[in-house]
Amino acid sequence: LQNTSDSPVVVETLDDVPEHVLRGLPEDVRLFPSAVDKTRLGVWATKSILKGKKFGPFVGDKKKRSQV
């Protein structure tokens, strides 16, 4: 077992998010600490999003599920 208590924990913040990503978020979507990994940001809806709702455009590299 590796002792990780000496390693600093890096926490992702809004300062780490490129401006174009923040500008591209839909109106009712925000970035807050992830419910899965508290060191990362997660995408949260501030209102219900209807099934099938589309928003974009997508900017970046598309990844397969196995890559994320």
C-alpha atoms as a PDB file:
ATOM      1  CA  LEU A   1       0.000   0.000   0.000  1.00  0.00           C
ATOM      2  CA  GLN A   2       1.355   3.411  -0.925  1.00  0.00           C
ATOM      3  CA  ASN A   3       1.165   6.187   1.651  1.00  0.00           C
ATOM      4  CA  THR A   4      -0.736   8.986  -0.054  1.00  0.00           C
ATOM      5  CA  SER A   5      -1.043  11.240   3.007  1.00  0.00           C
ATOM      6  CA  ASP A   6       2.150  13.076   1.988  1.00  0.00           C
ATOM      7  CA  SER A   7       0.851  13.785  -1.521  1.00  0.00           C
ATOM      8  CA  PRO A   8      -0.995  17.075  -1.962  1.00  0.00           C
ATOM      9  CA  VAL A   9      -4.582  16.680  -3.128  1.00  0.00           C
ATOM     10  CA  VAL A  10      -5.232  18.719  -6.257  1.00  0.00           C
ATOM     11  CA  VAL A  11      -8.785  20.021  -6.417  1.00  0.00           C
ATOM     12  CA  GLU A  12     -10.169  21.214  -9.744  1.00  0.00           C
ATOM     13  CA  THR A  13     -11.653  24.725  -9.587  1.00  0.00           C
ATOM     14  CA  LEU A  14     -13.537  27.011 -11.961  1.00  0.00           C
ATOM     15  CA  ASP A  15     -10.192  28.730 -12.641  1.00  0.00           C
ATOM     16  CA  ASP A  16      -9.100  25.474 -14.334  1.00  0.00           C
ATOM     17  CA  VAL A  17     -12.033  25.535 -16.774  1.00  0.00           C
ATOM     18  CA  PRO A  18     -11.378  27.218 -20.151  1.00  0.00           C
ATOM     19  CA  GLU A  19     -13.477  30.331 -20.729  1.00  0.00           C
ATOM     20  CA  HIS A  20     -15.089  28.893 -23.866  1.00  0.00           C
ATOM     21  CA  VAL A  21     -16.427  25.987 -21.795  1.00  0.00           C
ATOM     22  CA  LEU A  22     -18.012  28.306 -19.244  1.00  0.00           C
ATOM     23  CA  ARG A  23     -19.519  30.456 -22.010  1.00  0.00           C
ATOM     24  CA  GLY A  24     -20.906  27.360 -23.764  1.00  0.00           C
ATOM     25  CA  LEU A  25     -22.863  26.002 -20.798  1.00  0.00           C
ATOM     26  CA  PRO A  26     -26.621  26.029 -21.279  1.00  0.00           C
ATOM     27  CA  GLU A  27     -28.522  28.515 -19.109  1.00  0.00           C
ATOM     28  CA  ASP A  28     -29.659  25.966 -16.520  1.00  0.00           C
ATOM     29  CA  VAL A  29     -26.388  24.029 -16.238  1.00  0.00           C
ATOM     30  CA  ARG A  30     -23.624  24.829 -13.758  1.00  0.00           C
ATOM     31  CA  LEU A  31     -20.274  23.405 -12.690  1.00  0.00           C
ATOM     32  CA  PHE A  32     -20.036  22.408  -9.013  1.00  0.00           C
ATOM     33  CA  PRO A  33     -17.949  19.846  -7.108  1.00  0.00           C
ATOM     34  CA  SER A  34     -18.615  16.352  -8.414  1.00  0.00           C
ATOM     35  CA  ALA A  35     -20.811  13.986  -6.423  1.00  0.00           C
ATOM     36  CA  VAL A  36     -18.532  11.131  -7.540  1.00  0.00           C
ATOM     37  CA  ASP A  37     -15.067  12.685  -7.017  1.00  0.00           C
ATOM     38  CA  LYS A  38     -14.871  15.725  -4.730  1.00  0.00           C
ATOM     39  CA  THR A  39     -11.546  16.757  -6.312  1.00  0.00           C
ATOM     40  CA  ARG A  40     -13.215  17.289  -9.699  1.00  0.00           C
ATOM     41  CA  LEU A  41     -15.970  19.489 -11.043  1.00  0.00           C
ATOM     42  CA  GLY A  42     -19.233  17.969 -12.186  1.00  0.00           C
ATOM     43  CA  VAL A  43     -22.021  19.222 -14.410  1.00  0.00           C
ATOM     44  CA  TRP A  44     -25.235  19.972 -12.514  1.00  0.00           C
ATOM     45  CA  ALA A  45     -28.652  21.052 -13.771  1.00  0.00           C
ATOM     46  CA  THR A  46     -30.372  23.838 -11.841  1.00  0.00           C
ATOM     47  CA  LYS A  47     -33.743  22.858 -13.369  1.00  0.00           C
ATOM     48  CA  SER A  48     -35.107  19.652 -14.859  1.00  0.00           C
ATOM     49  CA  ILE A  49     -33.902  18.967 -18.388  1.00  0.00           C
ATOM     50  CA  LEU A  50     -36.461  17.298 -20.602  1.00  0.00           C
ATOM     51  CA  LYS A  51     -35.489  13.927 -22.032  1.00  0.00           C
ATOM     52  CA  GLY A  52     -34.149  14.376 -25.559  1.00  0.00           C
ATOM     53  CA  LYS A  53     -33.242  18.051 -25.042  1.00  0.00           C
ATOM     54  CA  LYS A  54     -30.261  18.981 -27.213  1.00  0.00           C
ATOM     55  CA  PHE A  55     -27.808  21.787 -26.663  1.00  0.00           C
ATOM     56  CA  GLY A  56     -24.437  22.679 -28.073  1.00  0.00           C
ATOM     57  CA  PRO A  57     -22.348  23.042 -30.109  1.00  0.00           C
ATOM     58  CA  PHE A  58     -19.900  20.517 -28.734  1.00  0.00           C
ATOM     59  CA  VAL A  59     -16.306  21.741 -28.669  1.00  0.00           C
ATOM     60  CA  GLY A  60     -13.462  19.349 -27.941  1.00  0.00           C
ATOM     61  CA  ASP A  61     -12.437  15.785 -28.536  1.00  0.00           C
ATOM     62  CA  LYS A  62     -15.141  13.133 -28.488  1.00  0.00           C
ATOM     63  CA  LYS A  63     -14.315  10.180 -26.257  1.00  0.00           C
ATOM     64  CA  LYS A  64     -15.677   6.651 -26.120  1.00  0.00           C
ATOM     65  CA  ARG A  65     -17.202   5.508 -22.825  1.00  0.00           C
ATOM     66  CA  SER A  66     -14.181   3.283 -22.264  1.00  0.00           C
ATOM     67  CA  GLN A  67     -11.903   6.343 -22.403  1.00  0.00           C
ATOM     68  CA  VAL A  68     -13.566   8.347 -19.641  1.00  0.00           C
END
